[in-house]
Amino acid sequence: MYIASYKELTVWQKAIELVKILYRVTDSLPKHELYCLSSQMKRAAISIPSNIAEGQQRKNLKEYLQFLRISYGSSAELETQIIIAKDIYPSINFSDVESLLEEIQKMLNAIIHKLEAKS
């Protein structure tokens, strides 16, 4: 199946949803975290769909795989930051973010393995 745009990719759509949910959750963090943990989490989350999009637009399998790997790395970065935030702020509910992030990571992993088999 040919994908004309990254916007058609389910993993990109879910990653956009993750960013929206994360923004709502990080609003619950204390204001002193605005330029630290909150900012880092938002940057990592935004990097996930951004790198999926950039890689798909390159129209080169090797480059696409590299950008998907960067996206996967950003997802691990966000996962780590969530672990830290949960430990420091146990009253904030990260469960929706965690479950969606896990789903995205599985999808990225599957896409990467499938495309690696083609190359």
N, C-alpha and C. Protein backbone atom coordinates (compact mmCIF):
# COMPACT_ATOMS: atom_id res chain seq x y z
N MET A 1 0.84 -1.19 0.00
CA MET A 1 0.00 0.00 0.00
C MET A 1 0.88 1.25 0.00
N TYR A 2 0.59 2.17 -0.89
CA TYR A 2 1.35 3.40 -1.00
C TYR A 2 0.77 4.45 -0.06
N ILE A 3 1.63 5.10 0.68
CA ILE A 3 1.22 6.17 1.59
C ILE A 3 1.65 7.49 0.95
N ALA A 4 0.69 8.33 0.62
CA ALA A 4 0.99 9.61 -0.02
C ALA A 4 1.50 10.64 0.98
N SER A 5 1.05 10.54 2.21
CA SER A 5 1.41 11.53 3.22
C SER A 5 1.57 10.87 4.58
N TYR A 6 2.46 11.40 5.37
CA TYR A 6 2.65 10.92 6.74
C TYR A 6 1.36 11.05 7.55
N LYS A 7 0.49 11.97 7.14
CA LYS A 7 -0.77 12.18 7.86
C LYS A 7 -1.68 10.96 7.78
N GLU A 8 -1.42 10.08 6.83
CA GLU A 8 -2.20 8.85 6.69
C GLU A 8 -1.72 7.74 7.62
N LEU A 9 -0.54 7.91 8.19
CA LEU A 9 0.03 6.88 9.06
C LEU A 9 -0.64 6.89 10.43
N THR A 10 -1.15 5.76 10.84
CA THR A 10 -1.81 5.63 12.14
C THR A 10 -0.86 5.99 13.27
N VAL A 11 0.40 5.58 13.15
CA VAL A 11 1.37 5.88 14.21
C VAL A 11 1.58 7.38 14.34
N TRP A 12 1.59 8.11 13.23
CA TRP A 12 1.73 9.57 13.29
C TRP A 12 0.50 10.18 13.96
N GLN A 13 -0.69 9.71 13.59
CA GLN A 13 -1.94 10.22 14.17
C GLN A 13 -1.97 9.99 15.67
N LYS A 14 -1.56 8.80 16.10
CA LYS A 14 -1.52 8.49 17.53
C LYS A 14 -0.47 9.34 18.25
N ALA A 15 0.64 9.60 17.60
CA ALA A 15 1.69 10.43 18.20
C ALA A 15 1.20 11.87 18.38
N ILE A 16 0.42 12.36 17.44
CA ILE A 16 -0.18 13.70 17.57
C ILE A 16 -1.13 13.72 18.77
N GLU A 17 -1.92 12.67 18.91
CA GLU A 17 -2.83 12.57 20.06
C GLU A 17 -2.06 12.52 21.37
N LEU A 18 -0.93 11.81 21.36
CA LEU A 18 -0.07 11.74 22.54
C LEU A 18 0.39 13.14 22.96
N VAL A 19 0.80 13.94 22.00
CA VAL A 19 1.25 15.31 22.30
C VAL A 19 0.13 16.10 22.97
N LYS A 20 -1.07 15.99 22.44
CA LYS A 20 -2.21 16.73 23.00
C LYS A 20 -2.50 16.30 24.44
N ILE A 21 -2.50 14.99 24.66
CA ILE A 21 -2.76 14.48 26.01
C ILE A 21 -1.65 14.90 26.96
N LEU A 22 -0.40 14.80 26.51
CA LEU A 22 0.73 15.17 27.35
C LEU A 22 0.66 16.65 27.74
N TYR A 23 0.28 17.49 26.81
CA TYR A 23 0.16 18.92 27.14
C TYR A 23 -0.85 19.13 28.26
N ARG A 24 -1.96 18.41 28.21
CA ARG A 24 -2.98 18.54 29.27
C ARG A 24 -2.43 18.04 30.61
N VAL A 25 -1.73 16.91 30.57
CA VAL A 25 -1.20 16.33 31.81
C VAL A 25 -0.11 17.22 32.40
N THR A 26 0.77 17.72 31.57
CA THR A 26 1.87 18.55 32.10
C THR A 26 1.37 19.89 32.64
N ASP A 27 0.17 20.29 32.29
CA ASP A 27 -0.43 21.48 32.90
C ASP A 27 -0.62 21.29 34.41
N SER A 28 -0.66 20.03 34.85
CA SER A 28 -0.82 19.72 36.27
C SER A 28 0.48 19.79 37.05
N LEU A 29 1.60 19.84 36.34
CA LEU A 29 2.89 19.95 37.02
C LEU A 29 3.02 21.33 37.66
N PRO A 30 3.78 21.42 38.74
CA PRO A 30 3.99 22.73 39.37
C PRO A 30 4.62 23.72 38.39
N LYS A 31 4.33 24.99 38.60
CA LYS A 31 4.82 26.03 37.69
C LYS A 31 6.36 26.08 37.62
N HIS A 32 7.03 25.70 38.70
CA HIS A 32 8.50 25.73 38.65
C HIS A 32 9.07 24.68 37.70
N GLU A 33 8.25 23.75 37.23
CA GLU A 33 8.68 22.74 36.26
C GLU A 33 8.48 23.20 34.81
N LEU A 34 7.92 24.40 34.64
CA LEU A 34 7.59 24.90 33.31
C LEU A 34 8.79 24.86 32.36
N TYR A 35 9.95 25.26 32.82
CA TYR A 35 11.13 25.32 31.96
C TYR A 35 12.09 24.15 32.19
N CYS A 36 11.62 23.15 32.88
CA CYS A 36 12.48 22.00 33.14
C CYS A 36 11.79 20.72 32.67
N LEU A 37 11.24 19.97 33.58
CA LEU A 37 10.65 18.68 33.24
C LEU A 37 9.51 18.81 32.24
N SER A 38 8.62 19.75 32.45
CA SER A 38 7.49 19.95 31.54
C SER A 38 7.97 20.25 30.12
N SER A 39 8.92 21.14 30.01
CA SER A 39 9.46 21.52 28.70
C SER A 39 10.15 20.33 28.02
N GLN A 40 10.95 19.58 28.79
CA GLN A 40 11.64 18.41 28.24
C GLN A 40 10.65 17.37 27.73
N MET A 41 9.60 17.13 28.51
CA MET A 41 8.60 16.14 28.12
C MET A 41 7.89 16.57 26.84
N LYS A 42 7.55 17.83 26.76
CA LYS A 42 6.86 18.33 25.56
C LYS A 42 7.76 18.22 24.33
N ARG A 43 9.03 18.57 24.48
CA ARG A 43 9.95 18.48 23.35
C ARG A 43 10.11 17.04 22.88
N ALA A 44 10.25 16.11 23.81
CA ALA A 44 10.39 14.70 23.45
C ALA A 44 9.13 14.20 22.75
N ALA A 45 7.97 14.57 23.28
CA ALA A 45 6.70 14.13 22.68
C ALA A 45 6.52 14.70 21.28
N ILE A 46 6.84 15.97 21.11
CA ILE A 46 6.70 16.61 19.80
C ILE A 46 7.67 15.99 18.78
N SER A 47 8.81 15.56 19.25
CA SER A 47 9.81 14.96 18.38
C SER A 47 9.31 13.65 17.74
N ILE A 48 8.44 12.95 18.42
CA ILE A 48 7.97 11.65 17.90
C ILE A 48 7.24 11.82 16.57
N PRO A 49 6.12 12.57 16.49
CA PRO A 49 5.45 12.71 15.19
C PRO A 49 6.27 13.54 14.20
N SER A 50 7.06 14.48 14.70
CA SER A 50 7.86 15.32 13.81
C SER A 50 8.86 14.49 13.01
N ASN A 51 9.53 13.56 13.68
CA ASN A 51 10.51 12.72 12.98
C ASN A 51 9.86 11.68 12.09
N ILE A 52 8.69 11.19 12.47
CA ILE A 52 7.94 10.29 11.58
C ILE A 52 7.62 11.04 10.29
N ALA A 53 7.13 12.26 10.42
CA ALA A 53 6.75 13.07 9.26
C ALA A 53 7.97 13.39 8.39
N GLU A 54 9.04 13.85 9.00
CA GLU A 54 10.21 14.22 8.22
C GLU A 54 10.79 13.02 7.48
N GLY A 55 10.86 11.90 8.16
CA GLY A 55 11.39 10.69 7.53
C GLY A 55 10.56 10.22 6.37
N GLN A 56 9.24 10.23 6.52
CA GLN A 56 8.36 9.78 5.45
C GLN A 56 8.46 10.70 4.24
N GLN A 57 8.63 11.96 4.47
CA GLN A 57 8.71 12.93 3.36
C GLN A 57 10.04 12.84 2.60
N ARG A 58 11.04 12.21 3.19
CA ARG A 58 12.34 12.08 2.52
C ARG A 58 12.26 11.16 1.30
N LYS A 59 11.30 10.25 1.28
CA LYS A 59 11.10 9.33 0.16
C LYS A 59 12.32 8.45 -0.12
N ASN A 60 13.12 8.22 0.92
CA ASN A 60 14.30 7.38 0.82
C ASN A 60 14.26 6.42 2.00
N LEU A 61 14.27 5.13 1.74
CA LEU A 61 14.08 4.13 2.79
C LEU A 61 15.12 4.23 3.90
N LYS A 62 16.37 4.40 3.52
CA LYS A 62 17.44 4.48 4.53
C LYS A 62 17.23 5.68 5.46
N GLU A 63 16.90 6.83 4.88
CA GLU A 63 16.66 8.03 5.69
C GLU A 63 15.39 7.88 6.52
N TYR A 64 14.35 7.29 5.93
CA TYR A 64 13.10 7.07 6.65
C TYR A 64 13.35 6.23 7.89
N LEU A 65 14.11 5.15 7.73
CA LEU A 65 14.43 4.30 8.87
C LEU A 65 15.20 5.08 9.94
N GLN A 66 16.13 5.91 9.53
CA GLN A 66 16.89 6.70 10.50
C GLN A 66 15.97 7.62 11.30
N PHE A 67 15.03 8.28 10.62
CA PHE A 67 14.11 9.18 11.32
C PHE A 67 13.14 8.40 12.21
N LEU A 68 12.74 7.21 11.80
CA LEU A 68 11.89 6.37 12.65
C LEU A 68 12.65 5.96 13.91
N ARG A 69 13.93 5.68 13.76
CA ARG A 69 14.76 5.33 14.93
C ARG A 69 14.90 6.52 15.87
N ILE A 70 15.04 7.70 15.31
CA ILE A 70 15.11 8.91 16.14
C ILE A 70 13.79 9.09 16.89
N SER A 71 12.69 8.87 16.20
CA SER A 71 11.37 8.96 16.81
C SER A 71 11.25 7.95 17.96
N TYR A 72 11.72 6.74 17.72
CA TYR A 72 11.69 5.71 18.76
C TYR A 72 12.56 6.12 19.95
N GLY A 73 13.71 6.72 19.66
CA GLY A 73 14.58 7.22 20.73
C GLY A 73 13.89 8.30 21.55
N SER A 74 13.18 9.19 20.87
CA SER A 74 12.43 10.24 21.58
C SER A 74 11.35 9.63 22.46
N SER A 75 10.77 8.54 22.00
CA SER A 75 9.74 7.89 22.81
C SER A 75 10.35 7.31 24.09
N ALA A 76 11.56 6.78 23.99
CA ALA A 76 12.26 6.26 25.18
C ALA A 76 12.63 7.41 26.12
N GLU A 77 13.02 8.53 25.54
CA GLU A 77 13.32 9.72 26.34
C GLU A 77 12.08 10.16 27.11
N LEU A 78 10.94 10.22 26.43
CA LEU A 78 9.69 10.60 27.09
C LEU A 78 9.31 9.58 28.16
N GLU A 79 9.48 8.31 27.86
CA GLU A 79 9.16 7.26 28.83
C GLU A 79 9.98 7.45 30.12
N THR A 80 11.25 7.78 29.97
CA THR A 80 12.12 8.02 31.12
C THR A 80 11.64 9.24 31.91
N GLN A 81 11.28 10.29 31.21
CA GLN A 81 10.81 11.50 31.87
C GLN A 81 9.49 11.26 32.61
N ILE A 82 8.64 10.41 32.07
CA ILE A 82 7.39 10.06 32.74
C ILE A 82 7.69 9.31 34.04
N ILE A 83 8.65 8.39 33.98
CA ILE A 83 9.04 7.65 35.18
C ILE A 83 9.50 8.62 36.28
N ILE A 84 10.32 9.58 35.89
CA ILE A 84 10.81 10.59 36.84
C ILE A 84 9.64 11.41 37.39
N ALA A 85 8.78 11.89 36.50
CA ALA A 85 7.65 12.72 36.92
C ALA A 85 6.71 11.97 37.86
N LYS A 86 6.47 10.70 37.56
CA LYS A 86 5.59 9.90 38.42
C LYS A 86 6.18 9.73 39.81
N ASP A 87 7.50 9.58 39.88
CA ASP A 87 8.15 9.44 41.18
C ASP A 87 8.09 10.73 41.99
N ILE A 88 8.29 11.85 41.31
CA ILE A 88 8.31 13.14 42.01
C ILE A 88 6.90 13.65 42.31
N TYR A 89 5.98 13.40 41.39
CA TYR A 89 4.60 13.90 41.51
C TYR A 89 3.60 12.75 41.39
N PRO A 90 3.52 11.90 42.42
CA PRO A 90 2.67 10.70 42.34
C PRO A 90 1.17 11.01 42.22
N SER A 91 0.76 12.21 42.52
CA SER A 91 -0.67 12.53 42.44
C SER A 91 -1.13 12.83 41.00
N ILE A 92 -0.18 13.00 40.09
CA ILE A 92 -0.54 13.28 38.69
C ILE A 92 -0.69 11.97 37.95
N ASN A 93 -1.79 11.84 37.23
CA ASN A 93 -2.12 10.60 36.52
C ASN A 93 -1.52 10.62 35.11
N PHE A 94 -0.54 9.77 34.88
CA PHE A 94 0.11 9.64 33.58
C PHE A 94 -0.35 8.39 32.83
N SER A 95 -1.36 7.69 33.31
CA SER A 95 -1.73 6.40 32.73
C SER A 95 -2.14 6.48 31.26
N ASP A 96 -2.90 7.51 30.87
CA ASP A 96 -3.29 7.64 29.46
C ASP A 96 -2.09 7.88 28.56
N VAL A 97 -1.18 8.71 29.04
CA VAL A 97 0.05 8.99 28.28
C VAL A 97 0.88 7.72 28.15
N GLU A 98 1.03 7.01 29.26
CA GLU A 98 1.84 5.78 29.25
C GLU A 98 1.28 4.72 28.31
N SER A 99 -0.01 4.51 28.35
CA SER A 99 -0.59 3.46 27.49
C SER A 99 -0.50 3.83 26.01
N LEU A 100 -0.74 5.09 25.68
CA LEU A 100 -0.63 5.51 24.29
C LEU A 100 0.83 5.48 23.84
N LEU A 101 1.74 5.89 24.69
CA LEU A 101 3.15 5.84 24.36
C LEU A 101 3.61 4.41 24.10
N GLU A 102 3.17 3.49 24.93
CA GLU A 102 3.52 2.08 24.73
C GLU A 102 3.01 1.57 23.38
N GLU A 103 1.79 1.94 23.03
CA GLU A 103 1.21 1.54 21.75
C GLU A 103 2.04 2.11 20.58
N ILE A 104 2.42 3.37 20.69
CA ILE A 104 3.23 4.01 19.66
C ILE A 104 4.59 3.33 19.54
N GLN A 105 5.20 3.01 20.66
CA GLN A 105 6.50 2.34 20.64
C GLN A 105 6.41 0.98 19.93
N LYS A 106 5.36 0.25 20.21
CA LYS A 106 5.17 -1.05 19.55
C LYS A 106 4.98 -0.86 18.04
N MET A 107 4.22 0.15 17.66
CA MET A 107 3.99 0.41 16.24
C MET A 107 5.30 0.82 15.55
N LEU A 108 6.04 1.71 16.18
CA LEU A 108 7.32 2.14 15.61
C LEU A 108 8.27 0.96 15.47
N ASN A 109 8.34 0.14 16.48
CA ASN A 109 9.20 -1.04 16.45
C ASN A 109 8.81 -1.96 15.30
N ALA A 110 7.53 -2.18 15.11
CA ALA A 110 7.05 -3.05 14.03
C ALA A 110 7.37 -2.46 12.65
N ILE A 111 7.15 -1.17 12.49
CA ILE A 111 7.45 -0.51 11.21
C ILE A 111 8.94 -0.59 10.91
N ILE A 112 9.77 -0.31 11.92
CA ILE A 112 11.21 -0.35 11.72
C ILE A 112 11.65 -1.73 11.29
N HIS A 113 11.17 -2.77 11.98
CA HIS A 113 11.57 -4.15 11.63
C HIS A 113 11.09 -4.52 10.23
N LYS A 114 9.90 -4.11 9.88
CA LYS A 114 9.36 -4.42 8.56
C LYS A 114 10.18 -3.73 7.46
N LEU A 115 10.51 -2.47 7.67
CA LEU A 115 11.28 -1.73 6.68
C LEU A 115 12.73 -2.20 6.62
N GLU A 116 13.29 -2.62 7.76
CA GLU A 116 14.65 -3.17 7.75
C GLU A 116 14.72 -4.44 6.92
N ALA A 117 13.67 -5.23 6.97
CA ALA A 117 13.61 -6.46 6.18
C ALA A 117 13.60 -6.16 4.67
N LYS A 118 13.05 -5.01 4.30
CA LYS A 118 13.01 -4.60 2.89
C LYS A 118 14.37 -4.11 2.39
N SER A 119 15.16 -3.56 3.30
CA SER A 119 16.42 -2.93 2.86
C SER A 119 17.58 -3.89 2.79
